[in-house]
Amino acid sequence: TSRRGIAVDGVSLTVTRGETLGIV
């Protein structure tokens, strides 16, 4: 099959120094 699933679709993030970013 040539069908493909999308795991991550256009994610843009900025993580600043010293922070805690939760991804839920």
mmCIF file of all heavy atoms, coordinates in Angstrom:
data_MODEL
# 
_entry.id   MODEL 
# 
loop_
_atom_site.group_PDB 
_atom_site.id 
_atom_site.type_symbol 
_atom_site.label_atom_id 
_atom_site.label_alt_id 
_atom_site.label_comp_id 
_atom_site.label_asym_id 
_atom_site.label_entity_id 
_atom_site.label_seq_id 
_atom_site.pdbx_PDB_ins_code 
_atom_site.Cartn_x 
_atom_site.Cartn_y 
_atom_site.Cartn_z 
_atom_site.occupancy 
_atom_site.B_iso_or_equiv 
_atom_site.pdbx_formal_charge 
_atom_site.auth_seq_id 
_atom_site.auth_comp_id 
_atom_site.auth_asym_id 
_atom_site.auth_atom_id 
_atom_site.pdbx_PDB_model_num 
ATOM 1   N N   . THR A 1 1  ? 0.839  -1.198 0.000  1.00 0.00 ? 1  THR A N   1 
ATOM 2   C CA  . THR A 1 1  ? 0.000  0.000  0.000  1.00 0.00 ? 1  THR A CA  1 
ATOM 3   C C   . THR A 1 1  ? 0.874  1.249  0.000  1.00 0.00 ? 1  THR A C   1 
ATOM 4   O O   . THR A 1 1  ? 1.974  1.242  0.558  1.00 0.00 ? 1  THR A O   1 
ATOM 5   C CB  . THR A 1 1  ? -0.934 0.037  1.231  1.00 0.00 ? 1  THR A CB  1 
ATOM 6   O OG1 . THR A 1 1  ? -1.692 1.249  1.195  1.00 0.00 ? 1  THR A OG1 1 
ATOM 7   C CG2 . THR A 1 1  ? -0.135 -0.005 2.535  1.00 0.00 ? 1  THR A CG2 1 
ATOM 8   N N   . SER A 1 2  ? 0.383  2.262  -0.652 1.00 0.00 ? 2  SER A N   1 
ATOM 9   C CA  . SER A 1 2  ? 1.086  3.544  -0.640 1.00 0.00 ? 2  SER A CA  1 
ATOM 10  C C   . SER A 1 2  ? 0.410  4.524  0.318  1.00 0.00 ? 2  SER A C   1 
ATOM 11  O O   . SER A 1 2  ? 0.814  5.681  0.415  1.00 0.00 ? 2  SER A O   1 
ATOM 12  C CB  . SER A 1 2  ? 1.117  4.139  -2.061 1.00 0.00 ? 2  SER A CB  1 
ATOM 13  O OG  . SER A 1 2  ? -0.208 4.306  -2.542 1.00 0.00 ? 2  SER A OG  1 
ATOM 14  N N   . ARG A 1 3  ? -0.621 4.040  1.013  1.00 0.00 ? 3  ARG A N   1 
ATOM 15  C CA  . ARG A 1 3  ? -1.341 4.927  1.927  1.00 0.00 ? 3  ARG A CA  1 
ATOM 16  C C   . ARG A 1 3  ? -0.460 5.254  3.119  1.00 0.00 ? 3  ARG A C   1 
ATOM 17  O O   . ARG A 1 3  ? 0.259  4.395  3.631  1.00 0.00 ? 3  ARG A O   1 
ATOM 18  C CB  . ARG A 1 3  ? -2.630 4.241  2.394  1.00 0.00 ? 3  ARG A CB  1 
ATOM 19  C CG  . ARG A 1 3  ? -3.596 5.181  3.123  1.00 0.00 ? 3  ARG A CG  1 
ATOM 20  C CD  . ARG A 1 3  ? -4.996 4.602  3.126  1.00 0.00 ? 3  ARG A CD  1 
ATOM 21  N NE  . ARG A 1 3  ? -5.086 3.453  4.005  1.00 0.00 ? 3  ARG A NE  1 
ATOM 22  C CZ  . ARG A 1 3  ? -5.346 3.537  5.316  1.00 0.00 ? 3  ARG A CZ  1 
ATOM 23  N NH1 . ARG A 1 3  ? -5.489 4.722  5.872  1.00 0.00 ? 3  ARG A NH1 1 
ATOM 24  N NH2 . ARG A 1 3  ? -5.452 2.451  6.050  1.00 0.00 ? 3  ARG A NH2 1 
ATOM 25  N N   . ARG A 1 4  ? -0.517 6.498  3.559  1.00 0.00 ? 4  ARG A N   1 
ATOM 26  C CA  . ARG A 1 4  ? 0.313  6.924  4.683  1.00 0.00 ? 4  ARG A CA  1 
ATOM 27  C C   . ARG A 1 4  ? -0.563 7.579  5.742  1.00 0.00 ? 4  ARG A C   1 
ATOM 28  O O   . ARG A 1 4  ? -1.515 8.293  5.434  1.00 0.00 ? 4  ARG A O   1 
ATOM 29  C CB  . ARG A 1 4  ? 1.410  7.900  4.220  1.00 0.00 ? 4  ARG A CB  1 
ATOM 30  C CG  . ARG A 1 4  ? 2.361  7.267  3.215  1.00 0.00 ? 4  ARG A CG  1 
ATOM 31  C CD  . ARG A 1 4  ? 3.575  8.135  2.954  1.00 0.00 ? 4  ARG A CD  1 
ATOM 32  N NE  . ARG A 1 4  ? 4.480  8.218  4.098  1.00 0.00 ? 4  ARG A NE  1 
ATOM 33  C CZ  . ARG A 1 4  ? 5.358  7.267  4.429  1.00 0.00 ? 4  ARG A CZ  1 
ATOM 34  N NH1 . ARG A 1 4  ? 5.431  6.154  3.734  1.00 0.00 ? 4  ARG A NH1 1 
ATOM 35  N NH2 . ARG A 1 4  ? 6.152  7.426  5.471  1.00 0.00 ? 4  ARG A NH2 1 
ATOM 36  N N   . GLY A 1 5  ? -0.223 7.303  7.002  1.00 0.00 ? 5  GLY A N   1 
ATOM 37  C CA  . GLY A 1 5  ? -0.885 7.973  8.107  1.00 0.00 ? 5  GLY A CA  1 
ATOM 38  C C   . GLY A 1 5  ? -0.045 9.145  8.576  1.00 0.00 ? 5  GLY A C   1 
ATOM 39  O O   . GLY A 1 5  ? 1.173  9.159  8.398  1.00 0.00 ? 5  GLY A O   1 
ATOM 40  N N   . ILE A 1 6  ? -0.682 10.129 9.152  1.00 0.00 ? 6  ILE A N   1 
ATOM 41  C CA  . ILE A 1 6  ? 0.016  11.315 9.640  1.00 0.00 ? 6  ILE A CA  1 
ATOM 42  C C   . ILE A 1 6  ? 0.199  11.208 11.142 1.00 0.00 ? 6  ILE A C   1 
ATOM 43  O O   . ILE A 1 6  ? -0.772 11.100 11.892 1.00 0.00 ? 6  ILE A O   1 
ATOM 44  C CB  . ILE A 1 6  ? -0.771 12.608 9.297  1.00 0.00 ? 6  ILE A CB  1 
ATOM 45  C CG1 . ILE A 1 6  ? -1.058 12.681 7.802  1.00 0.00 ? 6  ILE A CG1 1 
ATOM 46  C CG2 . ILE A 1 6  ? -0.005 13.838 9.773  1.00 0.00 ? 6  ILE A CG2 1 
ATOM 47  C CD1 . ILE A 1 6  ? 0.184  12.753 6.934  1.00 0.00 ? 6  ILE A CD1 1 
ATOM 48  N N   . ALA A 1 7  ? 1.461  11.219 11.593 1.00 0.00 ? 7  ALA A N   1 
ATOM 49  C CA  . ALA A 1 7  ? 1.733  11.167 13.033 1.00 0.00 ? 7  ALA A CA  1 
ATOM 50  C C   . ALA A 1 7  ? 1.831  12.576 13.616 1.00 0.00 ? 7  ALA A C   1 
ATOM 51  O O   . ALA A 1 7  ? 1.289  12.865 14.688 1.00 0.00 ? 7  ALA A O   1 
ATOM 52  C CB  . ALA A 1 7  ? 3.021  10.401 13.301 1.00 0.00 ? 7  ALA A CB  1 
ATOM 53  N N   . VAL A 1 8  ? 2.556  13.447 12.929 1.00 0.00 ? 8  VAL A N   1 
ATOM 54  C CA  . VAL A 1 8  ? 2.710  14.845 13.354 1.00 0.00 ? 8  VAL A CA  1 
ATOM 55  C C   . VAL A 1 8  ? 2.433  15.712 12.131 1.00 0.00 ? 8  VAL A C   1 
ATOM 56  O O   . VAL A 1 8  ? 2.999  15.493 11.061 1.00 0.00 ? 8  VAL A O   1 
ATOM 57  C CB  . VAL A 1 8  ? 4.121  15.107 13.913 1.00 0.00 ? 8  VAL A CB  1 
ATOM 58  C CG1 . VAL A 1 8  ? 4.328  16.589 14.200 1.00 0.00 ? 8  VAL A CG1 1 
ATOM 59  C CG2 . VAL A 1 8  ? 4.350  14.292 15.190 1.00 0.00 ? 8  VAL A CG2 1 
ATOM 60  N N   . ASP A 1 9  ? 1.575  16.693 12.309 1.00 0.00 ? 9  ASP A N   1 
ATOM 61  C CA  . ASP A 1 9  ? 1.036  17.431 11.159 1.00 0.00 ? 9  ASP A CA  1 
ATOM 62  C C   . ASP A 1 9  ? 1.204  18.942 11.332 1.00 0.00 ? 9  ASP A C   1 
ATOM 63  O O   . ASP A 1 9  ? 0.305  19.643 11.781 1.00 0.00 ? 9  ASP A O   1 
ATOM 64  C CB  . ASP A 1 9  ? -0.445 17.075 11.001 1.00 0.00 ? 9  ASP A CB  1 
ATOM 65  C CG  . ASP A 1 9  ? -1.064 17.627 9.728  1.00 0.00 ? 9  ASP A CG  1 
ATOM 66  O OD1 . ASP A 1 9  ? -0.311 18.125 8.867  1.00 0.00 ? 9  ASP A OD1 1 
ATOM 67  O OD2 . ASP A 1 9  ? -2.304 17.560 9.603  1.00 0.00 ? 9  ASP A OD2 1 
ATOM 68  N N   . GLY A 1 10 ? 2.410  19.422 11.025 1.00 0.00 ? 10 GLY A N   1 
ATOM 69  C CA  . GLY A 1 10 ? 2.629  20.869 11.002 1.00 0.00 ? 10 GLY A CA  1 
ATOM 70  C C   . GLY A 1 10 ? 2.759  21.503 12.375 1.00 0.00 ? 10 GLY A C   1 
ATOM 71  O O   . GLY A 1 10 ? 2.171  22.561 12.629 1.00 0.00 ? 10 GLY A O   1 
ATOM 72  N N   . VAL A 1 11 ? 3.555  20.897 13.258 1.00 0.00 ? 11 VAL A N   1 
ATOM 73  C CA  . VAL A 1 11 ? 3.681  21.420 14.626 1.00 0.00 ? 11 VAL A CA  1 
ATOM 74  C C   . VAL A 1 11 ? 4.764  22.490 14.710 1.00 0.00 ? 11 VAL A C   1 
ATOM 75  O O   . VAL A 1 11 ? 5.906  22.275 14.312 1.00 0.00 ? 11 VAL A O   1 
ATOM 76  C CB  . VAL A 1 11 ? 3.997  20.275 15.618 1.00 0.00 ? 11 VAL A CB  1 
ATOM 77  C CG1 . VAL A 1 11 ? 4.448  20.838 16.966 1.00 0.00 ? 11 VAL A CG1 1 
ATOM 78  C CG2 . VAL A 1 11 ? 2.775  19.385 15.805 1.00 0.00 ? 11 VAL A CG2 1 
ATOM 79  N N   . SER A 1 12 ? 4.382  23.643 15.234 1.00 0.00 ? 12 SER A N   1 
ATOM 80  C CA  . SER A 1 12 ? 5.323  24.738 15.500 1.00 0.00 ? 12 SER A CA  1 
ATOM 81  C C   . SER A 1 12 ? 5.279  25.052 16.990 1.00 0.00 ? 12 SER A C   1 
ATOM 82  O O   . SER A 1 12 ? 4.201  25.212 17.571 1.00 0.00 ? 12 SER A O   1 
ATOM 83  C CB  . SER A 1 12 ? 4.943  25.990 14.697 1.00 0.00 ? 12 SER A CB  1 
ATOM 84  O OG  . SER A 1 12 ? 5.027  25.738 13.307 1.00 0.00 ? 12 SER A OG  1 
ATOM 85  N N   . LEU A 1 13 ? 6.463  25.122 17.602 1.00 0.00 ? 13 LEU A N   1 
ATOM 86  C CA  . LEU A 1 13 ? 6.586  25.359 19.044 1.00 0.00 ? 13 LEU A CA  1 
ATOM 87  C C   . LEU A 1 13 ? 7.801  26.219 19.324 1.00 0.00 ? 13 LEU A C   1 
ATOM 88  O O   . LEU A 1 13 ? 8.803  26.124 18.616 1.00 0.00 ? 13 LEU A O   1 
ATOM 89  C CB  . LEU A 1 13 ? 6.792  24.039 19.792 1.00 0.00 ? 13 LEU A CB  1 
ATOM 90  C CG  . LEU A 1 13 ? 5.623  23.143 20.158 1.00 0.00 ? 13 LEU A CG  1 
ATOM 91  C CD1 . LEU A 1 13 ? 6.166  21.864 20.775 1.00 0.00 ? 13 LEU A CD1 1 
ATOM 92  C CD2 . LEU A 1 13 ? 4.682  23.837 21.134 1.00 0.00 ? 13 LEU A CD2 1 
ATOM 93  N N   . THR A 1 14 ? 7.717  27.027 20.360 1.00 0.00 ? 14 THR A N   1 
ATOM 94  C CA  . THR A 1 14 ? 8.897  27.689 20.904 1.00 0.00 ? 14 THR A CA  1 
ATOM 95  C C   . THR A 1 14 ? 8.967  27.376 22.393 1.00 0.00 ? 14 THR A C   1 
ATOM 96  O O   . THR A 1 14 ? 7.993  27.575 23.122 1.00 0.00 ? 14 THR A O   1 
ATOM 97  C CB  . THR A 1 14 ? 8.830  29.212 20.694 1.00 0.00 ? 14 THR A CB  1 
ATOM 98  O OG1 . THR A 1 14 ? 8.805  29.495 19.293 1.00 0.00 ? 14 THR A OG1 1 
ATOM 99  C CG2 . THR A 1 14 ? 10.050 29.897 21.308 1.00 0.00 ? 14 THR A CG2 1 
ATOM 100 N N   . VAL A 1 15 ? 10.108 26.844 22.829 1.00 0.00 ? 15 VAL A N   1 
ATOM 101 C CA  . VAL A 1 15 ? 10.327 26.510 24.239 1.00 0.00 ? 15 VAL A CA  1 
ATOM 102 C C   . VAL A 1 15 ? 11.373 27.476 24.774 1.00 0.00 ? 15 VAL A C   1 
ATOM 103 O O   . VAL A 1 15 ? 12.495 27.530 24.262 1.00 0.00 ? 15 VAL A O   1 
ATOM 104 C CB  . VAL A 1 15 ? 10.798 25.057 24.413 1.00 0.00 ? 15 VAL A CB  1 
ATOM 105 C CG1 . VAL A 1 15 ? 10.919 24.718 25.892 1.00 0.00 ? 15 VAL A CG1 1 
ATOM 106 C CG2 . VAL A 1 15 ? 9.842  24.096 23.710 1.00 0.00 ? 15 VAL A CG2 1 
ATOM 107 N N   . THR A 1 16 ? 11.013 28.261 25.776 1.00 0.00 ? 16 THR A N   1 
ATOM 108 C CA  . THR A 1 16 ? 11.935 29.257 26.306 1.00 0.00 ? 16 THR A CA  1 
ATOM 109 C C   . THR A 1 16 ? 12.791 28.655 27.415 1.00 0.00 ? 16 THR A C   1 
ATOM 110 O O   . THR A 1 16 ? 12.388 27.725 28.112 1.00 0.00 ? 16 THR A O   1 
ATOM 111 C CB  . THR A 1 16 ? 11.185 30.497 26.834 1.00 0.00 ? 16 THR A CB  1 
ATOM 112 O OG1 . THR A 1 16 ? 10.260 30.092 27.849 1.00 0.00 ? 16 THR A OG1 1 
ATOM 113 C CG2 . THR A 1 16 ? 10.426 31.178 25.722 1.00 0.00 ? 16 THR A CG2 1 
ATOM 114 N N   . ARG A 1 17 ? 13.977 29.188 27.559 1.00 0.00 ? 17 ARG A N   1 
ATOM 115 C CA  . ARG A 1 17 ? 14.941 28.672 28.529 1.00 0.00 ? 17 ARG A CA  1 
ATOM 116 C C   . ARG A 1 17 ? 14.366 28.739 29.951 1.00 0.00 ? 17 ARG A C   1 
ATOM 117 O O   . ARG A 1 17 ? 13.877 29.771 30.395 1.00 0.00 ? 17 ARG A O   1 
ATOM 118 C CB  . ARG A 1 17 ? 16.233 29.478 28.426 1.00 0.00 ? 17 ARG A CB  1 
ATOM 119 C CG  . ARG A 1 17 ? 17.392 28.882 29.192 1.00 0.00 ? 17 ARG A CG  1 
ATOM 120 C CD  . ARG A 1 17 ? 18.657 29.706 29.005 1.00 0.00 ? 17 ARG A CD  1 
ATOM 121 N NE  . ARG A 1 17 ? 19.188 29.629 27.659 1.00 0.00 ? 17 ARG A NE  1 
ATOM 122 C CZ  . ARG A 1 17 ? 19.975 28.649 27.204 1.00 0.00 ? 17 ARG A CZ  1 
ATOM 123 N NH1 . ARG A 1 17 ? 20.308 27.652 28.004 1.00 0.00 ? 17 ARG A NH1 1 
ATOM 124 N NH2 . ARG A 1 17 ? 20.425 28.670 25.969 1.00 0.00 ? 17 ARG A NH2 1 
ATOM 125 N N   . GLY A 1 18 ? 14.413 27.611 30.646 1.00 0.00 ? 18 GLY A N   1 
ATOM 126 C CA  . GLY A 1 18 ? 13.981 27.552 32.040 1.00 0.00 ? 18 GLY A CA  1 
ATOM 127 C C   . GLY A 1 18 ? 12.532 27.207 32.265 1.00 0.00 ? 18 GLY A C   1 
ATOM 128 O O   . GLY A 1 18 ? 12.121 26.988 33.412 1.00 0.00 ? 18 GLY A O   1 
ATOM 129 N N   . GLU A 1 19 ? 11.730 27.125 31.203 1.00 0.00 ? 19 GLU A N   1 
ATOM 130 C CA  . GLU A 1 19 ? 10.312 26.832 31.410 1.00 0.00 ? 19 GLU A CA  1 
ATOM 131 C C   . GLU A 1 19 ? 10.055 25.326 31.424 1.00 0.00 ? 19 GLU A C   1 
ATOM 132 O O   . GLU A 1 19 ? 10.907 24.520 31.058 1.00 0.00 ? 19 GLU A O   1 
ATOM 133 C CB  . GLU A 1 19 ? 9.459  27.498 30.319 1.00 0.00 ? 19 GLU A CB  1 
ATOM 134 C CG  . GLU A 1 19 ? 9.420  26.760 28.990 1.00 0.00 ? 19 GLU A CG  1 
ATOM 135 C CD  . GLU A 1 19 ? 8.271  27.218 28.093 1.00 0.00 ? 19 GLU A CD  1 
ATOM 136 O OE1 . GLU A 1 19 ? 7.165  27.451 28.604 1.00 0.00 ? 19 GLU A OE1 1 
ATOM 137 O OE2 . GLU A 1 19 ? 8.494  27.319 26.869 1.00 0.00 ? 19 GLU A OE2 1 
ATOM 138 N N   . THR A 1 20 ? 8.839  24.963 31.859 1.00 0.00 ? 20 THR A N   1 
ATOM 139 C CA  . THR A 1 20 ? 8.356  23.602 31.715 1.00 0.00 ? 20 THR A CA  1 
ATOM 140 C C   . THR A 1 20 ? 7.146  23.641 30.799 1.00 0.00 ? 20 THR A C   1 
ATOM 141 O O   . THR A 1 20 ? 6.114  24.219 31.147 1.00 0.00 ? 20 THR A O   1 
ATOM 142 C CB  . THR A 1 20 ? 7.946  22.991 33.065 1.00 0.00 ? 20 THR A CB  1 
ATOM 143 O OG1 . THR A 1 20 ? 9.085  22.930 33.918 1.00 0.00 ? 20 THR A OG1 1 
ATOM 144 C CG2 . THR A 1 20 ? 7.415  21.576 32.874 1.00 0.00 ? 20 THR A CG2 1 
ATOM 145 N N   . LEU A 1 21 ? 7.304  23.052 29.625 1.00 0.00 ? 21 LEU A N   1 
ATOM 146 C CA  . LEU A 1 21 ? 6.203  22.961 28.677 1.00 0.00 ? 21 LEU A CA  1 
ATOM 147 C C   . LEU A 1 21 ? 5.589  21.576 28.787 1.00 0.00 ? 21 LEU A C   1 
ATOM 148 O O   . LEU A 1 21 ? 6.281  20.571 28.618 1.00 0.00 ? 21 LEU A O   1 
ATOM 149 C CB  . LEU A 1 21 ? 6.695  23.202 27.247 1.00 0.00 ? 21 LEU A CB  1 
ATOM 150 C CG  . LEU A 1 21 ? 5.641  22.993 26.147 1.00 0.00 ? 21 LEU A CG  1 
ATOM 151 C CD1 . LEU A 1 21 ? 4.552  24.053 26.237 1.00 0.00 ? 21 LEU A CD1 1 
ATOM 152 C CD2 . LEU A 1 21 ? 6.281  22.975 24.762 1.00 0.00 ? 21 LEU A CD2 1 
ATOM 153 N N   . GLY A 1 22 ? 4.315  21.517 29.094 1.00 0.00 ? 22 GLY A N   1 
ATOM 154 C CA  . GLY A 1 22 ? 3.604  20.250 29.113 1.00 0.00 ? 22 GLY A CA  1 
ATOM 155 C C   . GLY A 1 22 ? 2.940  20.012 27.772 1.00 0.00 ? 22 GLY A C   1 
ATOM 156 O O   . GLY A 1 22 ? 2.275  20.904 27.241 1.00 0.00 ? 22 GLY A O   1 
ATOM 157 N N   . ILE A 1 23 ? 3.145  18.826 27.209 1.00 0.00 ? 23 ILE A N   1 
ATOM 158 C CA  . ILE A 1 23 ? 2.461  18.436 25.975 1.00 0.00 ? 23 ILE A CA  1 
ATOM 159 C C   . ILE A 1 23 ? 1.529  17.291 26.335 1.00 0.00 ? 23 ILE A C   1 
ATOM 160 O O   . ILE A 1 23 ? 1.962  16.239 26.799 1.00 0.00 ? 23 ILE A O   1 
ATOM 161 C CB  . ILE A 1 23 ? 3.457  18.011 24.877 1.00 0.00 ? 23 ILE A CB  1 
ATOM 162 C CG1 . ILE A 1 23 ? 4.414  19.154 24.562 1.00 0.00 ? 23 ILE A CG1 1 
ATOM 163 C CG2 . ILE A 1 23 ? 2.708  17.579 23.623 1.00 0.00 ? 23 ILE A CG2 1 
ATOM 164 C CD1 . ILE A 1 23 ? 5.468  18.812 23.516 1.00 0.00 ? 23 ILE A CD1 1 
ATOM 165 N N   . VAL A 1 24 ? 0.231  17.512 26.139 1.00 0.00 ? 24 VAL A N   1 
ATOM 166 C CA  . VAL A 1 24 ? -0.761 16.559 26.627 1.00 0.00 ? 24 VAL A CA  1 
ATOM 167 C C   . VAL A 1 24 ? -1.701 16.172 25.489 1.00 0.00 ? 24 VAL A C   1 
ATOM 168 O O   . VAL A 1 24 ? -1.966 16.958 24.581 1.00 0.00 ? 24 VAL A O   1 
ATOM 169 C CB  . VAL A 1 24 ? -1.546 17.150 27.827 1.00 0.00 ? 24 VAL A CB  1 
ATOM 170 C CG1 . VAL A 1 24 ? -2.430 18.304 27.403 1.00 0.00 ? 24 VAL A CG1 1 
ATOM 171 C CG2 . VAL A 1 24 ? -2.353 16.080 28.548 1.00 0.00 ? 24 VAL A CG2 1 
# 
